[in-house]
């Protein structure tokens, strides 16, 4: 079994072979949101998507490929904000999952609230109608048991 460093080198070699076999049209077909689609790149290389992020040499090779594709006009240029944030790692937001769950729960509760309001309205209409009927029967002297 290969060690981590050997596997990293194998992935880098496979990336370089894959890169050499691709044409500009191939790169255009796997463009997603202004960069190469990481899943498609990983499939082409034959490694996991995580290797593209965790292997520093592979990450650097992918960045240089994207930069050269931008220079040739195959990929769109990076916006100013993307250039500023390129080297800054994203901070982990430990509240994101909680906010997502809260948002889902809120939408479920809102839908349930709307349904219950509609039921109350329908029952109030029935009550009003039967109240009038009961009042009429009482006036006529017929009291139901």
N, C-alpha and C. Protein backbone atom coordinates (compact mmCIF):
# COMPACT_ATOMS: atom_id res chain seq x y z
N UNK A 1 0.85 -1.17 0.00
CA UNK A 1 0.00 0.00 0.00
C UNK A 1 0.89 1.24 0.00
N UNK A 2 0.52 2.24 -0.78
CA UNK A 2 1.33 3.44 -0.92
C UNK A 2 1.14 4.35 0.28
N UNK A 3 2.22 5.04 0.65
CA UNK A 3 2.12 6.00 1.75
C UNK A 3 1.40 7.25 1.26
N UNK A 4 1.10 8.15 2.19
CA UNK A 4 0.39 9.38 1.82
C UNK A 4 1.17 10.22 0.83
N UNK A 5 2.47 10.31 1.04
CA UNK A 5 3.30 11.11 0.13
C UNK A 5 3.37 10.49 -1.25
N UNK A 6 3.47 9.15 -1.31
CA UNK A 6 3.50 8.48 -2.61
C UNK A 6 2.17 8.66 -3.34
N UNK A 7 1.07 8.56 -2.61
CA UNK A 7 -0.26 8.73 -3.21
C UNK A 7 -0.42 10.17 -3.72
N UNK A 8 0.08 11.14 -2.95
CA UNK A 8 0.02 12.54 -3.35
C UNK A 8 0.80 12.75 -4.64
N UNK A 9 1.97 12.13 -4.75
CA UNK A 9 2.78 12.25 -5.97
C UNK A 9 2.09 11.57 -7.15
N UNK A 10 1.49 10.42 -6.91
CA UNK A 10 0.76 9.72 -7.97
C UNK A 10 -0.40 10.58 -8.48
N UNK A 11 -1.12 11.23 -7.56
CA UNK A 11 -2.22 12.10 -7.96
C UNK A 11 -1.72 13.29 -8.76
N UNK A 12 -0.59 13.86 -8.36
CA UNK A 12 -0.01 14.98 -9.09
C UNK A 12 0.41 14.55 -10.49
N UNK A 13 1.05 13.38 -10.59
CA UNK A 13 1.44 12.86 -11.91
C UNK A 13 0.21 12.61 -12.79
N UNK A 14 -0.82 12.03 -12.20
CA UNK A 14 -2.05 11.76 -12.96
C UNK A 14 -2.70 13.07 -13.41
N UNK A 15 -2.62 14.11 -12.56
CA UNK A 15 -3.16 15.42 -12.93
C UNK A 15 -2.42 16.00 -14.12
N UNK A 16 -1.10 15.89 -14.10
CA UNK A 16 -0.30 16.44 -15.20
C UNK A 16 -0.58 15.71 -16.51
N UNK A 17 -0.77 14.39 -16.44
CA UNK A 17 -1.12 13.62 -17.64
C UNK A 17 -2.49 14.04 -18.13
N UNK A 18 -3.45 14.16 -17.21
CA UNK A 18 -4.81 14.56 -17.59
C UNK A 18 -4.80 15.95 -18.22
N UNK A 19 -4.04 16.87 -17.62
CA UNK A 19 -3.96 18.24 -18.11
C UNK A 19 -3.41 18.27 -19.54
N UNK A 20 -2.41 17.45 -19.80
CA UNK A 20 -1.77 17.43 -21.12
C UNK A 20 -2.70 16.87 -22.19
N UNK A 21 -3.64 16.02 -21.80
CA UNK A 21 -4.53 15.40 -22.79
C UNK A 21 -5.78 16.22 -23.07
N UNK A 22 -6.00 17.31 -22.34
CA UNK A 22 -7.21 18.11 -22.50
C UNK A 22 -6.99 19.23 -23.52
N UNK A 23 -8.05 19.55 -24.25
CA UNK A 23 -8.02 20.68 -25.19
C UNK A 23 -8.73 21.85 -24.54
N UNK A 24 -8.64 23.00 -25.19
CA UNK A 24 -9.32 24.18 -24.67
C UNK A 24 -10.83 23.96 -24.61
N UNK A 25 -11.38 23.26 -25.61
CA UNK A 25 -12.81 22.97 -25.60
C UNK A 25 -13.19 22.06 -24.44
N UNK A 26 -12.31 21.11 -24.12
CA UNK A 26 -12.57 20.23 -22.97
C UNK A 26 -12.65 21.05 -21.68
N UNK A 27 -11.73 22.01 -21.53
CA UNK A 27 -11.74 22.85 -20.34
C UNK A 27 -12.99 23.72 -20.29
N UNK A 28 -13.42 24.23 -21.44
CA UNK A 28 -14.63 25.05 -21.48
C UNK A 28 -15.86 24.24 -21.05
N UNK A 29 -15.88 22.97 -21.40
CA UNK A 29 -17.03 22.13 -21.06
C UNK A 29 -17.14 21.84 -19.57
N UNK A 30 -16.04 21.91 -18.85
CA UNK A 30 -16.10 21.61 -17.42
C UNK A 30 -15.95 22.87 -16.57
N UNK A 31 -16.22 24.02 -17.15
CA UNK A 31 -16.17 25.27 -16.41
C UNK A 31 -17.46 25.42 -15.60
N UNK A 32 -17.30 25.80 -14.35
CA UNK A 32 -18.44 25.99 -13.47
C UNK A 32 -18.17 27.17 -12.55
N UNK A 33 -19.02 28.19 -12.61
CA UNK A 33 -18.89 29.40 -11.79
C UNK A 33 -17.51 30.03 -11.90
N UNK A 34 -16.99 30.13 -13.10
CA UNK A 34 -15.73 30.83 -13.32
C UNK A 34 -14.47 30.05 -13.01
N UNK A 35 -14.61 28.78 -12.71
CA UNK A 35 -13.43 27.95 -12.48
C UNK A 35 -13.73 26.54 -12.99
N UNK A 36 -12.71 25.71 -12.97
CA UNK A 36 -12.91 24.33 -13.40
C UNK A 36 -13.73 23.58 -12.35
N UNK A 37 -14.66 22.78 -12.81
CA UNK A 37 -15.50 21.99 -11.91
C UNK A 37 -14.62 20.96 -11.22
N UNK A 38 -14.52 21.07 -9.91
CA UNK A 38 -13.62 20.22 -9.14
C UNK A 38 -14.00 18.74 -9.23
N UNK A 39 -15.29 18.46 -9.28
CA UNK A 39 -15.73 17.06 -9.37
C UNK A 39 -15.30 16.45 -10.70
N UNK A 40 -15.47 17.21 -11.78
CA UNK A 40 -15.08 16.70 -13.10
C UNK A 40 -13.57 16.54 -13.21
N UNK A 41 -12.83 17.48 -12.62
CA UNK A 41 -11.36 17.37 -12.63
C UNK A 41 -10.94 16.12 -11.86
N UNK A 42 -11.55 15.90 -10.70
CA UNK A 42 -11.20 14.73 -9.88
C UNK A 42 -11.53 13.44 -10.64
N UNK A 43 -12.66 13.41 -11.35
CA UNK A 43 -13.00 12.22 -12.14
C UNK A 43 -11.97 11.99 -13.22
N UNK A 44 -11.57 13.06 -13.90
CA UNK A 44 -10.59 12.94 -14.98
C UNK A 44 -9.23 12.48 -14.49
N UNK A 45 -8.85 12.97 -13.32
CA UNK A 45 -7.55 12.60 -12.75
C UNK A 45 -7.60 11.21 -12.14
N UNK A 46 -8.77 10.84 -11.63
CA UNK A 46 -8.91 9.54 -10.99
C UNK A 46 -8.58 9.60 -9.51
N UNK A 47 -8.86 10.74 -8.90
CA UNK A 47 -8.62 10.89 -7.47
C UNK A 47 -9.89 11.44 -6.83
N UNK A 48 -9.89 11.54 -5.54
CA UNK A 48 -11.02 12.13 -4.84
C UNK A 48 -10.99 13.64 -4.91
N UNK A 49 -12.16 14.25 -4.79
CA UNK A 49 -12.24 15.71 -4.82
C UNK A 49 -11.44 16.32 -3.67
N UNK A 50 -11.40 15.62 -2.55
CA UNK A 50 -10.67 16.13 -1.40
C UNK A 50 -9.17 16.25 -1.68
N UNK A 51 -8.65 15.39 -2.56
CA UNK A 51 -7.22 15.46 -2.89
C UNK A 51 -6.87 16.79 -3.55
N UNK A 52 -7.83 17.37 -4.29
CA UNK A 52 -7.58 18.66 -4.95
C UNK A 52 -7.40 19.78 -3.93
N UNK A 53 -8.01 19.63 -2.76
CA UNK A 53 -7.89 20.65 -1.72
C UNK A 53 -6.79 20.33 -0.72
N UNK A 54 -6.59 19.06 -0.43
CA UNK A 54 -5.68 18.68 0.64
C UNK A 54 -4.23 18.49 0.19
N UNK A 55 -4.02 18.20 -1.07
CA UNK A 55 -2.67 18.00 -1.59
C UNK A 55 -2.13 19.36 -2.05
N UNK A 56 -1.16 19.94 -1.32
CA UNK A 56 -0.68 21.28 -1.67
C UNK A 56 -0.09 21.37 -3.09
N UNK A 57 0.63 20.36 -3.52
CA UNK A 57 1.23 20.40 -4.86
C UNK A 57 0.14 20.33 -5.93
N UNK A 58 -0.84 19.51 -5.70
CA UNK A 58 -1.95 19.37 -6.65
C UNK A 58 -2.78 20.65 -6.67
N UNK A 59 -3.03 21.23 -5.51
CA UNK A 59 -3.78 22.48 -5.43
C UNK A 59 -3.05 23.60 -6.18
N UNK A 60 -1.72 23.64 -6.02
CA UNK A 60 -0.91 24.66 -6.71
C UNK A 60 -0.94 24.44 -8.22
N UNK A 61 -0.85 23.18 -8.64
CA UNK A 61 -0.88 22.87 -10.08
C UNK A 61 -2.24 23.24 -10.68
N UNK A 62 -3.32 22.97 -9.96
CA UNK A 62 -4.65 23.32 -10.44
C UNK A 62 -4.82 24.83 -10.53
N UNK A 63 -4.29 25.55 -9.54
CA UNK A 63 -4.37 27.02 -9.57
C UNK A 63 -3.58 27.58 -10.74
N UNK A 64 -2.41 27.04 -11.00
CA UNK A 64 -1.61 27.54 -12.13
C UNK A 64 -2.29 27.21 -13.45
N UNK A 65 -2.95 26.05 -13.54
CA UNK A 65 -3.70 25.71 -14.75
C UNK A 65 -4.83 26.71 -14.96
N UNK A 66 -5.58 27.00 -13.91
CA UNK A 66 -6.68 27.96 -14.03
C UNK A 66 -6.17 29.35 -14.39
N UNK A 67 -5.04 29.74 -13.81
CA UNK A 67 -4.46 31.05 -14.14
C UNK A 67 -4.07 31.11 -15.62
N UNK A 68 -3.48 30.03 -16.13
CA UNK A 68 -3.09 30.04 -17.55
C UNK A 68 -4.34 30.03 -18.45
N UNK A 69 -5.39 29.34 -18.01
CA UNK A 69 -6.64 29.35 -18.78
C UNK A 69 -7.27 30.73 -18.77
N UNK A 70 -7.14 31.46 -17.68
CA UNK A 70 -7.66 32.83 -17.62
C UNK A 70 -6.87 33.75 -18.56
N UNK A 71 -5.55 33.54 -18.60
CA UNK A 71 -4.72 34.36 -19.49
C UNK A 71 -5.08 34.11 -20.95
N UNK A 72 -5.44 32.87 -21.28
CA UNK A 72 -5.80 32.53 -22.66
C UNK A 72 -7.26 32.85 -22.97
N UNK A 73 -8.01 33.30 -21.98
CA UNK A 73 -9.40 33.69 -22.20
C UNK A 73 -10.40 32.54 -22.16
N UNK A 74 -9.99 31.39 -21.68
CA UNK A 74 -10.89 30.24 -21.61
C UNK A 74 -11.76 30.35 -20.36
N UNK A 75 -11.16 30.77 -19.26
CA UNK A 75 -11.91 31.03 -18.04
C UNK A 75 -12.05 32.54 -17.88
N UNK A 76 -13.16 33.00 -17.28
CA UNK A 76 -13.31 34.44 -17.08
C UNK A 76 -12.32 34.93 -16.03
N UNK A 77 -11.93 36.21 -16.09
CA UNK A 77 -10.99 36.73 -15.10
C UNK A 77 -11.64 36.77 -13.71
N UNK A 78 -10.79 36.70 -12.69
CA UNK A 78 -11.29 36.76 -11.32
C UNK A 78 -11.73 38.18 -10.99
N UNK A 79 -12.81 38.32 -10.25
CA UNK A 79 -13.23 39.65 -9.80
C UNK A 79 -12.25 40.14 -8.74
N UNK A 80 -12.32 41.43 -8.44
CA UNK A 80 -11.39 42.00 -7.45
C UNK A 80 -11.58 41.35 -6.09
N UNK A 81 -12.82 41.14 -5.70
CA UNK A 81 -13.07 40.54 -4.38
C UNK A 81 -12.56 39.10 -4.33
N UNK A 82 -12.70 38.37 -5.43
CA UNK A 82 -12.20 36.99 -5.47
C UNK A 82 -10.68 36.96 -5.40
N UNK A 83 -10.02 37.93 -6.03
CA UNK A 83 -8.56 37.99 -5.97
C UNK A 83 -8.09 38.29 -4.54
N UNK A 84 -8.80 39.16 -3.84
CA UNK A 84 -8.42 39.50 -2.47
C UNK A 84 -8.61 38.30 -1.54
N UNK A 85 -9.69 37.55 -1.76
CA UNK A 85 -10.02 36.44 -0.86
C UNK A 85 -9.38 35.12 -1.27
N UNK A 86 -8.62 35.10 -2.36
CA UNK A 86 -8.07 33.85 -2.87
C UNK A 86 -7.11 33.19 -1.88
N UNK A 87 -6.30 33.97 -1.21
CA UNK A 87 -5.31 33.39 -0.30
C UNK A 87 -5.77 33.33 1.15
N UNK A 88 -6.91 33.94 1.44
CA UNK A 88 -7.41 33.95 2.81
C UNK A 88 -8.30 32.73 3.00
N UNK A 89 -7.98 31.88 3.97
CA UNK A 89 -8.82 30.70 4.19
C UNK A 89 -10.18 31.12 4.77
N UNK A 90 -11.21 30.39 4.40
CA UNK A 90 -12.54 30.70 4.91
C UNK A 90 -12.64 30.26 6.36
N UNK A 91 -13.27 31.10 7.16
CA UNK A 91 -13.46 30.76 8.56
C UNK A 91 -14.63 29.80 8.69
N UNK A 92 -14.48 28.85 9.58
CA UNK A 92 -15.54 27.88 9.82
C UNK A 92 -16.64 28.53 10.64
N UNK A 93 -17.85 28.41 10.18
CA UNK A 93 -19.00 28.96 10.88
C UNK A 93 -19.74 27.83 11.56
N UNK A 94 -19.57 27.71 12.87
CA UNK A 94 -20.19 26.60 13.59
C UNK A 94 -21.68 26.81 13.81
N UNK A 95 -22.20 27.98 13.49
CA UNK A 95 -23.63 28.23 13.64
C UNK A 95 -24.39 28.02 12.34
N UNK A 96 -23.71 27.76 11.25
CA UNK A 96 -24.37 27.63 9.95
C UNK A 96 -25.35 26.46 9.95
N UNK A 97 -24.96 25.32 10.50
CA UNK A 97 -25.84 24.16 10.53
C UNK A 97 -27.08 24.45 11.38
N UNK A 98 -26.89 25.09 12.51
CA UNK A 98 -28.01 25.43 13.40
C UNK A 98 -28.98 26.38 12.69
N UNK A 99 -28.43 27.38 11.99
CA UNK A 99 -29.28 28.33 11.27
C UNK A 99 -30.08 27.63 10.19
N UNK A 100 -29.46 26.68 9.50
CA UNK A 100 -30.16 25.92 8.46
C UNK A 100 -31.31 25.12 9.06
N UNK A 101 -31.05 24.44 10.18
CA UNK A 101 -32.10 23.68 10.84
C UNK A 101 -33.22 24.59 11.34
N UNK A 102 -32.84 25.74 11.91
CA UNK A 102 -33.85 26.69 12.37
C UNK A 102 -34.69 27.22 11.22
N UNK A 103 -34.06 27.48 10.10
CA UNK A 103 -34.78 27.97 8.93
C UNK A 103 -35.79 26.94 8.43
N UNK A 104 -35.36 25.68 8.36
CA UNK A 104 -36.28 24.62 7.93
C UNK A 104 -37.45 24.49 8.91
N UNK A 105 -37.14 24.50 10.19
CA UNK A 105 -38.19 24.37 11.21
C UNK A 105 -39.15 25.55 11.13
N UNK A 106 -38.64 26.74 10.92
CA UNK A 106 -39.48 27.92 10.79
C UNK A 106 -40.44 27.80 9.62
N UNK A 107 -39.96 27.33 8.49
CA UNK A 107 -40.84 27.20 7.32
C UNK A 107 -41.92 26.15 7.57
N UNK A 108 -41.59 25.06 8.28
CA UNK A 108 -42.59 24.04 8.61
C UNK A 108 -43.64 24.63 9.54
N UNK A 109 -43.19 25.38 10.55
CA UNK A 109 -44.13 25.98 11.49
C UNK A 109 -45.02 27.03 10.83
N UNK A 110 -44.47 27.80 9.91
CA UNK A 110 -45.27 28.79 9.19
C UNK A 110 -46.34 28.12 8.35
N UNK A 111 -45.99 27.03 7.67
CA UNK A 111 -46.97 26.31 6.86
C UNK A 111 -48.07 25.73 7.75
N UNK A 112 -47.69 25.16 8.89
CA UNK A 112 -48.67 24.61 9.83
C UNK A 112 -49.58 25.71 10.37
N UNK A 113 -49.02 26.87 10.64
CA UNK A 113 -49.79 28.01 11.13
C UNK A 113 -50.83 28.44 10.10
N UNK A 114 -50.46 28.49 8.85
CA UNK A 114 -51.40 28.88 7.79
C UNK A 114 -52.53 27.87 7.70
N UNK A 115 -52.20 26.57 7.77
CA UNK A 115 -53.23 25.54 7.73
C UNK A 115 -54.20 25.66 8.89
N UNK A 116 -53.66 25.89 10.09
CA UNK A 116 -54.51 26.00 11.27
C UNK A 116 -55.40 27.24 11.21
N UNK A 117 -54.90 28.34 10.69
CA UNK A 117 -55.72 29.54 10.53
C UNK A 117 -56.88 29.28 9.58
N UNK A 118 -56.61 28.54 8.51
CA UNK A 118 -57.68 28.21 7.56
C UNK A 118 -58.73 27.32 8.24
N UNK A 119 -58.31 26.35 9.05
CA UNK A 119 -59.26 25.48 9.76
C UNK A 119 -60.10 26.29 10.74
N UNK A 120 -59.47 27.19 11.48
CA UNK A 120 -60.20 28.03 12.44
C UNK A 120 -61.25 28.86 11.72
N UNK A 121 -60.90 29.42 10.59
CA UNK A 121 -61.83 30.24 9.81
C UNK A 121 -63.02 29.41 9.37
N UNK A 122 -62.77 28.19 8.88
CA UNK A 122 -63.85 27.31 8.43
C UNK A 122 -64.74 26.93 9.60
N UNK A 123 -64.16 26.62 10.76
CA UNK A 123 -64.95 26.25 11.93
C UNK A 123 -65.76 27.43 12.47
N UNK A 124 -65.18 28.63 12.40
CA UNK A 124 -65.92 29.82 12.83
C UNK A 124 -67.14 30.05 11.94
N UNK A 125 -67.00 29.81 10.64
CA UNK A 125 -68.14 29.95 9.72
C UNK A 125 -69.23 28.94 10.07
N UNK A 126 -68.84 27.69 10.35
CA UNK A 126 -69.81 26.66 10.72
C UNK A 126 -70.50 27.02 12.03
N UNK A 127 -69.73 27.49 13.00
CA UNK A 127 -70.28 27.86 14.29
C UNK A 127 -71.29 28.99 14.14
N UNK A 128 -70.97 29.95 13.33
CA UNK A 128 -71.89 31.07 13.10
C UNK A 128 -73.19 30.59 12.48
N UNK A 129 -73.10 29.70 11.52
CA UNK A 129 -74.28 29.18 10.84
C UNK A 129 -75.14 28.37 11.81
N UNK A 130 -74.51 27.47 12.59
CA UNK A 130 -75.26 26.65 13.53
C UNK A 130 -75.78 27.48 14.71
N UNK A 131 -75.07 28.54 15.06
CA UNK A 131 -75.56 29.43 16.12
C UNK A 131 -76.86 30.09 15.70
N UNK A 132 -76.92 30.54 14.45
CA UNK A 132 -78.15 31.15 13.93
C UNK A 132 -79.28 30.12 13.90
N UNK A 133 -78.99 28.89 13.50
CA UNK A 133 -79.99 27.83 13.45
C UNK A 133 -80.52 27.53 14.86
N UNK A 134 -79.61 27.44 15.83
CA UNK A 134 -80.00 27.17 17.20
C UNK A 134 -80.88 28.30 17.74
N UNK A 135 -80.53 29.54 17.43
CA UNK A 135 -81.31 30.69 17.86
C UNK A 135 -82.71 30.67 17.25
N UNK A 136 -82.82 30.31 15.99
CA UNK A 136 -84.11 30.24 15.31
C UNK A 136 -84.98 29.15 15.93
N UNK A 137 -84.42 27.98 16.18
CA UNK A 137 -85.17 26.89 16.80
C UNK A 137 -85.61 27.27 18.20
N UNK A 138 -84.81 27.99 18.94
CA UNK A 138 -85.15 28.43 20.28
C UNK A 138 -86.31 29.40 20.23
N UNK A 139 -86.28 30.32 19.25
CA UNK A 139 -87.36 31.29 19.10
C UNK A 139 -88.68 30.60 18.75
N UNK A 140 -88.61 29.52 18.00
CA UNK A 140 -89.82 28.80 17.59
C UNK A 140 -90.30 27.88 18.69
N UNK A 141 -89.55 27.68 19.71
CA UNK A 141 -89.96 26.83 20.81
C UNK A 141 -89.48 25.41 20.69
N UNK A 142 -88.71 25.11 19.70
CA UNK A 142 -88.15 23.75 19.55
C UNK A 142 -86.73 23.75 20.11
N UNK A 143 -86.52 23.12 21.19
CA UNK A 143 -85.17 23.04 21.76
C UNK A 143 -84.64 21.64 21.54
N UNK A 144 -83.52 21.52 20.91
CA UNK A 144 -82.95 20.18 20.69
C UNK A 144 -82.47 19.58 22.00
N UNK A 145 -82.52 18.28 22.08
CA UNK A 145 -82.08 17.59 23.30
C UNK A 145 -80.60 17.51 23.40
